[in-house]
């Protein structure tokens, strides 16, 4: 999606087309996470900006995917409440 938005903006000869693609897809990533609430969606947008930047700089989607996995794993291991028994 990021690449397609960047190509579309370049085709329209928009200044800062790459920035538009990065911010647009970050906002979309945040919107997908609105189920967790507005604060979570805002945090997801910021994370999406980081994932998108990694993809933009490296050109490799698997680096962004591994970063996403690492962030989720650290969150679950360090900050999530342990399961309770009933």
PDB file of N, CA and C in Angstrom:
ATOM      1  N   UNK A   1       0.811  -1.175   0.000  1.00  0.00           N
ATOM      2  CA  UNK A   1       0.000   0.000   0.000  1.00  0.00           C
ATOM      3  C   UNK A   1       0.872   1.263   0.000  1.00  0.00           C
ATOM      4  N   UNK A   2       1.934   1.241   0.770  1.00  0.00           N
ATOM      5  CA  UNK A   2       2.830   2.395   0.835  1.00  0.00           C
ATOM      6  C   UNK A   2       3.439   2.678  -0.532  1.00  0.00           C
ATOM      7  N   UNK A   3       3.920   1.649  -1.181  1.00  0.00           N
ATOM      8  CA  UNK A   3       4.522   1.826  -2.497  1.00  0.00           C
ATOM      9  C   UNK A   3       3.503   2.348  -3.500  1.00  0.00           C
ATOM     10  N   UNK A   4       2.288   1.806  -3.457  1.00  0.00           N
ATOM     11  CA  UNK A   4       1.248   2.256  -4.390  1.00  0.00           C
ATOM     12  C   UNK A   4       0.891   3.715  -4.155  1.00  0.00           C
ATOM     13  N   UNK A   5       0.780   4.136  -2.900  1.00  0.00           N
ATOM     14  CA  UNK A   5       0.461   5.531  -2.614  1.00  0.00           C
ATOM     15  C   UNK A   5       1.596   6.451  -3.048  1.00  0.00           C
ATOM     16  N   UNK A   6       2.829   6.032  -2.847  1.00  0.00           N
ATOM     17  CA  UNK A   6       3.971   6.834  -3.288  1.00  0.00           C
ATOM     18  C   UNK A   6       3.994   6.960  -4.806  1.00  0.00           C
ATOM     19  N   UNK A   7       3.749   5.849  -5.507  1.00  0.00           N
ATOM     20  CA  UNK A   7       3.723   5.905  -6.976  1.00  0.00           C
ATOM     21  C   UNK A   7       2.612   6.802  -7.475  1.00  0.00           C
ATOM     22  N   UNK A   8       1.442   6.714  -6.842  1.00  0.00           N
ATOM     23  CA  UNK A   8       0.314   7.560  -7.229  1.00  0.00           C
ATOM     24  C   UNK A   8       0.671   9.036  -7.045  1.00  0.00           C
ATOM     25  N   UNK A   9       1.273   9.377  -5.907  1.00  0.00           N
ATOM     26  CA  UNK A   9       1.637  10.766  -5.632  1.00  0.00           C
ATOM     27  C   UNK A   9       2.739  11.244  -6.582  1.00  0.00           C
ATOM     28  N   UNK A  10       3.700  10.375  -6.900  1.00  0.00           N
ATOM     29  CA  UNK A  10       4.742  10.739  -7.873  1.00  0.00           C
ATOM     30  C   UNK A  10       4.126  10.975  -9.251  1.00  0.00           C
ATOM     31  N   UNK A  11       3.177  10.121  -9.627  1.00  0.00           N
ATOM     32  CA  UNK A  11       2.513  10.264 -10.927  1.00  0.00           C
ATOM     33  C   UNK A  11       1.789  11.607 -11.020  1.00  0.00           C
ATOM     34  N   UNK A  12       1.229  12.061  -9.902  1.00  0.00           N
ATOM     35  CA  UNK A  12       0.536  13.352  -9.850  1.00  0.00           C
ATOM     36  C   UNK A  12       1.510  14.514  -9.693  1.00  0.00           C
ATOM     37  N   UNK A  13       2.807  14.179  -9.592  1.00  0.00           N
ATOM     38  CA  UNK A  13       3.889  15.154  -9.428  1.00  0.00           C
ATOM     39  C   UNK A  13       3.727  15.993  -8.158  1.00  0.00           C
ATOM     40  N   UNK A  14       3.277  15.330  -7.101  1.00  0.00           N
ATOM     41  CA  UNK A  14       3.133  16.025  -5.823  1.00  0.00           C
ATOM     42  C   UNK A  14       4.499  16.175  -5.174  1.00  0.00           C
ATOM     43  N   UNK A  15       4.749  17.349  -4.601  1.00  0.00           N
ATOM     44  CA  UNK A  15       6.002  17.479  -3.844  1.00  0.00           C
ATOM     45  C   UNK A  15       5.927  16.600  -2.595  1.00  0.00           C
ATOM     46  N   UNK A  16       7.038  16.048  -2.208  1.00  0.00           N
ATOM     47  CA  UNK A  16       7.122  15.171  -1.032  1.00  0.00           C
ATOM     48  C   UNK A  16       6.180  13.967  -1.142  1.00  0.00           C
ATOM     49  N   UNK A  17       6.166  13.362  -2.296  1.00  0.00           N
ATOM     50  CA  UNK A  17       5.296  12.207  -2.540  1.00  0.00           C
ATOM     51  C   UNK A  17       5.635  11.050  -1.608  1.00  0.00           C
ATOM     52  N   UNK A  18       6.909  10.843  -1.335  1.00  0.00           N
ATOM     53  CA  UNK A  18       7.298   9.743  -0.446  1.00  0.00           C
ATOM     54  C   UNK A  18       6.791   9.989   0.977  1.00  0.00           C
ATOM     55  N   UNK A  19       6.860  11.231   1.424  1.00  0.00           N
ATOM     56  CA  UNK A  19       6.353  11.571   2.756  1.00  0.00           C
ATOM     57  C   UNK A  19       4.847  11.345   2.825  1.00  0.00           C
ATOM     58  N   UNK A  20       4.143  11.721   1.774  1.00  0.00           N
ATOM     59  CA  UNK A  20       2.698  11.493   1.731  1.00  0.00           C
ATOM     60  C   UNK A  20       2.389  10.004   1.835  1.00  0.00           C
ATOM     61  N   UNK A  21       3.136   9.185   1.104  1.00  0.00           N
ATOM     62  CA  UNK A  21       2.929   7.739   1.161  1.00  0.00           C
ATOM     63  C   UNK A  21       3.181   7.176   2.544  1.00  0.00           C
ATOM     64  N   UNK A  22       4.225   7.639   3.186  1.00  0.00           N
ATOM     65  CA  UNK A  22       4.575   7.150   4.517  1.00  0.00           C
ATOM     66  C   UNK A  22       3.534   7.572   5.555  1.00  0.00           C
ATOM     67  N   UNK A  23       3.141   8.824   5.534  1.00  0.00           N
ATOM     68  CA  UNK A  23       2.160   9.313   6.508  1.00  0.00           C
ATOM     69  C   UNK A  23       0.780   8.712   6.238  1.00  0.00           C
ATOM     70  N   UNK A  24       0.410   8.606   4.969  1.00  0.00           N
ATOM     71  CA  UNK A  24      -0.892   8.034   4.628  1.00  0.00           C
ATOM     72  C   UNK A  24      -1.044   6.595   5.079  1.00  0.00           C
ATOM     73  N   UNK A  25      -0.025   5.802   4.846  1.00  0.00           N
ATOM     74  CA  UNK A  25      -0.112   4.398   5.255  1.00  0.00           C
ATOM     75  C   UNK A  25       0.004   4.248   6.773  1.00  0.00           C
ATOM     76  N   UNK A  26       0.717   5.140   7.428  1.00  0.00           N
ATOM     77  CA  UNK A  26       0.780   5.112   8.896  1.00  0.00           C
ATOM     78  C   UNK A  26      -0.584   5.423   9.489  1.00  0.00           C
ATOM     79  N   UNK A  27      -1.276   6.391   8.909  1.00  0.00           N
ATOM     80  CA  UNK A  27      -2.625   6.728   9.378  1.00  0.00           C
ATOM     81  C   UNK A  27      -3.575   5.551   9.153  1.00  0.00           C
ATOM     82  N   UNK A  28      -3.439   4.885   8.018  1.00  0.00           N
ATOM     83  CA  UNK A  28      -4.274   3.719   7.749  1.00  0.00           C
ATOM     84  C   UNK A  28      -3.982   2.602   8.753  1.00  0.00           C
ATOM     85  N   UNK A  29      -2.715   2.384   9.048  1.00  0.00           N
ATOM     86  CA  UNK A  29      -2.324   1.363  10.025  1.00  0.00           C
ATOM     87  C   UNK A  29      -2.945   1.677  11.382  1.00  0.00           C
ATOM     88  N   UNK A  30      -2.935   2.942  11.764  1.00  0.00           N
ATOM     89  CA  UNK A  30      -3.567   3.342  13.014  1.00  0.00           C
ATOM     90  C   UNK A  30      -5.071   3.123  12.983  1.00  0.00           C
ATOM     91  N   UNK A  31      -5.706   3.451  11.856  1.00  0.00           N
ATOM     92  CA  UNK A  31      -7.153   3.291  11.725  1.00  0.00           C
ATOM     93  C   UNK A  31      -7.558   1.820  11.848  1.00  0.00           C
ATOM     94  N   UNK A  32      -6.736   0.935  11.342  1.00  0.00           N
ATOM     95  CA  UNK A  32      -7.022  -0.495  11.445  1.00  0.00           C
ATOM     96  C   UNK A  32      -7.033  -0.937  12.910  1.00  0.00           C
ATOM     97  N   UNK A  33      -6.308  -0.219  13.754  1.00  0.00           N
ATOM     98  CA  UNK A  33      -6.212  -0.569  15.167  1.00  0.00           C
ATOM     99  C   UNK A  33      -7.172   0.233  16.046  1.00  0.00           C
ATOM    100  N   UNK A  34      -8.160   0.898  15.468  1.00  0.00           N
ATOM    101  CA  UNK A  34      -9.114   1.683  16.243  1.00  0.00           C
ATOM    102  C   UNK A  34      -9.940   0.839  17.210  1.00  0.00           C
ATOM    103  N   UNK A  35     -10.029  -0.446  16.981  1.00  0.00           N
ATOM    104  CA  UNK A  35     -10.758  -1.330  17.887  1.00  0.00           C
ATOM    105  C   UNK A  35     -10.192  -1.313  19.295  1.00  0.00           C
ATOM    106  N   UNK A  36      -8.928  -0.950  19.432  1.00  0.00           N
ATOM    107  CA  UNK A  36      -8.298  -0.872  20.747  1.00  0.00           C
ATOM    108  C   UNK A  36      -8.470   0.478  21.423  1.00  0.00           C
ATOM    109  N   UNK A  37      -9.183   1.396  20.771  1.00  0.00           N
ATOM    110  CA  UNK A  37      -9.385   2.731  21.324  1.00  0.00           C
ATOM    111  C   UNK A  37      -8.532   3.762  20.606  1.00  0.00           C
ATOM    112  N   UNK A  38      -8.870   5.027  20.844  1.00  0.00           N
ATOM    113  CA  UNK A  38      -8.180   6.110  20.145  1.00  0.00           C
ATOM    114  C   UNK A  38      -6.696   6.178  20.507  1.00  0.00           C
ATOM    115  N   UNK A  39      -6.382   6.034  21.788  1.00  0.00           N
ATOM    116  CA  UNK A  39      -4.978   6.102  22.217  1.00  0.00           C
ATOM    117  C   UNK A  39      -4.146   4.994  21.581  1.00  0.00           C
ATOM    118  N   UNK A  40      -4.733   3.802  21.529  1.00  0.00           N
ATOM    119  CA  UNK A  40      -4.027   2.678  20.910  1.00  0.00           C
ATOM    120  C   UNK A  40      -3.831   2.919  19.415  1.00  0.00           C
ATOM    121  N   UNK A  41      -4.844   3.480  18.758  1.00  0.00           N
ATOM    122  CA  UNK A  41      -4.738   3.777  17.329  1.00  0.00           C
ATOM    123  C   UNK A  41      -3.663   4.832  17.076  1.00  0.00           C
ATOM    124  N   UNK A  42      -3.556   5.827  17.963  1.00  0.00           N
ATOM    125  CA  UNK A  42      -2.511   6.841  17.823  1.00  0.00           C
ATOM    126  C   UNK A  42      -1.135   6.211  17.987  1.00  0.00           C
ATOM    127  N   UNK A  43      -0.992   5.339  18.970  1.00  0.00           N
ATOM    128  CA  UNK A  43       0.268   4.626  19.169  1.00  0.00           C
ATOM    129  C   UNK A  43       0.586   3.745  17.958  1.00  0.00           C
ATOM    130  N   UNK A  44      -0.432   3.085  17.425  1.00  0.00           N
ATOM    131  CA  UNK A  44      -0.229   2.239  16.242  1.00  0.00           C
ATOM    132  C   UNK A  44       0.183   3.082  15.035  1.00  0.00           C
ATOM    133  N   UNK A  45      -0.350   4.285  14.908  1.00  0.00           N
ATOM    134  CA  UNK A  45       0.049   5.174  13.817  1.00  0.00           C
ATOM    135  C   UNK A  45       1.528   5.532  13.925  1.00  0.00           C
ATOM    136  N   UNK A  46       1.974   5.823  15.139  1.00  0.00           N
ATOM    137  CA  UNK A  46       3.396   6.129  15.342  1.00  0.00           C
ATOM    138  C   UNK A  46       4.266   4.907  15.051  1.00  0.00           C
ATOM    139  N   UNK A  47       3.808   3.743  15.495  1.00  0.00           N
ATOM    140  CA  UNK A  47       4.544   2.511  15.194  1.00  0.00           C
ATOM    141  C   UNK A  47       4.560   2.278  13.688  1.00  0.00           C
ATOM    142  N   UNK A  48       3.421   2.509  13.035  1.00  0.00           N
ATOM    143  CA  UNK A  48       3.342   2.349  11.589  1.00  0.00           C
ATOM    144  C   UNK A  48       4.304   3.269  10.857  1.00  0.00           C
ATOM    145  N   UNK A  49       4.506   4.455  11.411  1.00  0.00           N
ATOM    146  CA  UNK A  49       5.480   5.371  10.830  1.00  0.00           C
ATOM    147  C   UNK A  49       6.882   4.761  10.882  1.00  0.00           C
ATOM    148  N   UNK A  50       7.192   4.121  12.004  1.00  0.00           N
ATOM    149  CA  UNK A  50       8.494   3.447  12.126  1.00  0.00           C
ATOM    150  C   UNK A  50       8.616   2.264  11.189  1.00  0.00           C
ATOM    151  N   UNK A  51       7.574   1.437  11.117  1.00  0.00           N
ATOM    152  CA  UNK A  51       7.614   0.278  10.228  1.00  0.00           C
ATOM    153  C   UNK A  51       7.737   0.726   8.773  1.00  0.00           C
ATOM    154  N   UNK A  52       6.981   1.760   8.427  1.00  0.00           N
ATOM    155  CA  UNK A  52       7.030   2.279   7.057  1.00  0.00           C
ATOM    156  C   UNK A  52       8.390   2.868   6.724  1.00  0.00           C
ATOM    157  N   UNK A  53       8.999   3.540   7.695  1.00  0.00           N
ATOM    158  CA  UNK A  53      10.327   4.113   7.475  1.00  0.00           C
ATOM    159  C   UNK A  53      11.361   3.011   7.245  1.00  0.00           C
ATOM    160  N   UNK A  54      11.257   1.940   8.029  1.00  0.00           N
ATOM    161  CA  UNK A  54      12.182   0.811   7.841  1.00  0.00           C
ATOM    162  C   UNK A  54      12.009   0.231   6.439  1.00  0.00           C
ATOM    163  N   UNK A  55      10.768   0.067   6.016  1.00  0.00           N
ATOM    164  CA  UNK A  55      10.523  -0.456   4.668  1.00  0.00           C
ATOM    165  C   UNK A  55      11.048   0.511   3.603  1.00  0.00           C
ATOM    166  N   UNK A  56      10.834   1.789   3.803  1.00  0.00           N
ATOM    167  CA  UNK A  56      11.285   2.801   2.837  1.00  0.00           C
ATOM    168  C   UNK A  56      12.813   2.807   2.726  1.00  0.00           C
ATOM    169  N   UNK A  57      13.490   2.755   3.874  1.00  0.00           N
ATOM    170  CA  UNK A  57      14.948   2.828   3.874  1.00  0.00           C
ATOM    171  C   UNK A  57      15.608   1.556   3.345  1.00  0.00           C
ATOM    172  N   UNK A  58      15.001   0.403   3.630  1.00  0.00           N
ATOM    173  CA  UNK A  58      15.638  -0.856   3.243  1.00  0.00           C
ATOM    174  C   UNK A  58      15.084  -1.437   1.953  1.00  0.00           C
ATOM    175  N   UNK A  59      13.818  -1.134   1.640  1.00  0.00           N
ATOM    176  CA  UNK A  59      13.175  -1.733   0.481  1.00  0.00           C
ATOM    177  C   UNK A  59      12.806  -3.196   0.709  1.00  0.00           C
ATOM    178  N   UNK A  60      12.882  -3.640   1.948  1.00  0.00           N
ATOM    179  CA  UNK A  60      12.603  -5.040   2.290  1.00  0.00           C
ATOM    180  C   UNK A  60      11.480  -5.100   3.314  1.00  0.00           C
ATOM    181  N   UNK A  61      10.371  -5.692   2.917  1.00  0.00           N
ATOM    182  CA  UNK A  61       9.213  -5.760   3.811  1.00  0.00           C
ATOM    183  C   UNK A  61       9.484  -6.650   5.018  1.00  0.00           C
ATOM    184  N   UNK A  62      10.333  -7.654   4.857  1.00  0.00           N
ATOM    185  CA  UNK A  62      10.542  -8.573   5.981  1.00  0.00           C
ATOM    186  C   UNK A  62      11.242  -7.895   7.160  1.00  0.00           C
ATOM    187  N   UNK A  63      12.014  -6.830   6.936  1.00  0.00           N
ATOM    188  CA  UNK A  63      12.605  -6.100   8.062  1.00  0.00           C
ATOM    189  C   UNK A  63      11.512  -5.387   8.861  1.00  0.00           C
ATOM    190  N   UNK A  64      10.548  -4.804   8.165  1.00  0.00           N
ATOM    191  CA  UNK A  64       9.435  -4.141   8.850  1.00  0.00           C
ATOM    192  C   UNK A  64       8.574  -5.164   9.597  1.00  0.00           C
ATOM    193  N   UNK A  65       8.362  -6.323   8.996  1.00  0.00           N
ATOM    194  CA  UNK A  65       7.572  -7.372   9.647  1.00  0.00           C
ATOM    195  C   UNK A  65       8.289  -7.866  10.905  1.00  0.00           C
ATOM    196  N   UNK A  66       9.587  -8.056  10.822  1.00  0.00           N
ATOM    197  CA  UNK A  66      10.342  -8.510  11.996  1.00  0.00           C
ATOM    198  C   UNK A  66      10.335  -7.455  13.098  1.00  0.00           C
ATOM    199  N   UNK A  67      10.404  -6.183  12.736  1.00  0.00           N
ATOM    200  CA  UNK A  67      10.317  -5.119  13.735  1.00  0.00           C
ATOM    201  C   UNK A  67       8.945  -5.152  14.416  1.00  0.00           C
ATOM    202  N   UNK A  68       7.899  -5.314  13.628  1.00  0.00           N
ATOM    203  CA  UNK A  68       6.541  -5.395  14.179  1.00  0.00           C
ATOM    204  C   UNK A  68       6.438  -6.589  15.138  1.00  0.00           C
ATOM    205  N   UNK A  69       6.946  -7.731  14.728  1.00  0.00           N
ATOM    206  CA  UNK A  69       6.931  -8.920  15.584  1.00  0.00           C
ATOM    207  C   UNK A  69       7.687  -8.660  16.881  1.00  0.00           C
ATOM    208  N   UNK A  70       8.855  -8.029  16.790  1.00  0.00           N
ATOM    209  CA  UNK A  70       9.668  -7.752  17.965  1.00  0.00           C
ATOM    210  C   UNK A  70       8.951  -6.810  18.926  1.00  0.00           C
ATOM    211  N   UNK A  71       8.350  -5.758  18.397  1.00  0.00           N
ATOM    212  CA  UNK A  71       7.611  -4.815  19.245  1.00  0.00           C
ATOM    213  C   UNK A  71       6.454  -5.531  19.939  1.00  0.00           C
ATOM    214  N   UNK A  72       5.701  -6.333  19.201  1.00  0.00           N
ATOM    215  CA  UNK A  72       4.586  -7.066  19.801  1.00  0.00           C
ATOM    216  C   UNK A  72       5.074  -8.058  20.856  1.00  0.00           C
ATOM    217  N   UNK A  73       6.165  -8.757  20.567  1.00  0.00           N
ATOM    218  CA  UNK A  73       6.693  -9.742  21.520  1.00  0.00           C
ATOM    219  C   UNK A  73       7.171  -9.063  22.794  1.00  0.00           C
ATOM    220  N   UNK A  74       7.893  -7.963  22.670  1.00  0.00           N
ATOM    221  CA  UNK A  74       8.359  -7.243  23.855  1.00  0.00           C
ATOM    222  C   UNK A  74       7.171  -6.739  24.665  1.00  0.00           C
ATOM    223  N   UNK A  75       6.165  -6.227  23.995  1.00  0.00           N
ATOM    224  CA  UNK A  75       4.973  -5.756  24.703  1.00  0.00           C
ATOM    225  C   UNK A  75       4.321  -6.893  25.485  1.00  0.00           C
ATOM    226  N   UNK A  76       4.137  -8.037  24.832  1.00  0.00           N
ATOM    227  CA  UNK A  76       3.484  -9.166  25.494  1.00  0.00           C
ATOM    228  C   UNK A  76       4.313  -9.697  26.657  1.00  0.00           C
ATOM    229  N   UNK A  77       5.609  -9.778  26.483  1.00  0.00           N
ATOM    230  CA  UNK A  77       6.465 -10.355  27.523  1.00  0.00           C
ATOM    231  C   UNK A  77       6.715  -9.399  28.685  1.00  0.00           C
ATOM    232  N   UNK A  78       6.800  -8.110  28.408  1.00  0.00           N
ATOM    233  CA  UNK A  78       7.189  -7.166  29.450  1.00  0.00           C
ATOM    234  C   UNK A  78       6.027  -6.382  30.052  1.00  0.00           C
ATOM    235  N   UNK A  79       4.959  -6.153  29.274  1.00  0.00           N
ATOM    236  CA  UNK A  79       3.937  -5.241  29.754  1.00  0.00           C
ATOM    237  C   UNK A  79       2.536  -5.835  29.891  1.00  0.00           C
ATOM    238  N   UNK A  80       2.279  -6.929  29.260  1.00  0.00           N
ATOM    239  CA  UNK A  80       0.929  -7.519  29.336  1.00  0.00           C
ATOM    240  C   UNK A  80       0.746  -8.206  30.689  1.00  0.00           C
ATOM    241  N   UNK A  81      -0.464  -8.153  31.174  1.00  0.00           N
ATOM    242  CA  UNK A  81      -0.765  -8.805  32.455  1.00  0.00           C
ATOM    243  C   UNK A  81      -0.684 -10.313  32.290  1.00  0.00           C
ATOM    244  N   UNK A  82      -0.136 -10.996  33.295  1.00  0.00           N
ATOM    245  CA  UNK A  82      -0.061 -12.462  33.200  1.00  0.00           C
ATOM    246  C   UNK A  82      -1.490 -13.049  33.249  1.00  0.00           C
ATOM    247  N   UNK A  83      -1.664 -14.179  32.617  1.00  0.00           N
ATOM    248  CA  UNK A  83      -2.993 -14.801  32.654  1.00  0.00           C
ATOM    249  C   UNK A  83      -3.360 -15.209  34.082  1.00  0.00           C
ATOM    250  N   UNK A  84      -4.634 -15.133  34.369  1.00  0.00           N
ATOM    251  CA  UNK A  84      -5.100 -15.525  35.710  1.00  0.00           C
ATOM    252  C   UNK A  84      -5.866 -16.827  35.606  1.00  0.00           C
ATOM    253  N   UNK A  85      -5.843 -17.565  36.684  1.00  0.00           N
ATOM    254  CA  UNK A  85      -6.616 -18.813  36.735  1.00  0.00           C
ATOM    255  C   UNK A  85      -7.914 -18.543  37.476  1.00  0.00           C
ATOM    256  N   UNK A  86      -8.962 -19.189  37.030  1.00  0.00           N
ATOM    257  CA  UNK A  86     -10.236 -18.962  37.696  1.00  0.00           C
ATOM    258  C   UNK A  86     -10.657 -20.137  38.530  1.00  0.00           C
TER     259      UNK A  86
END
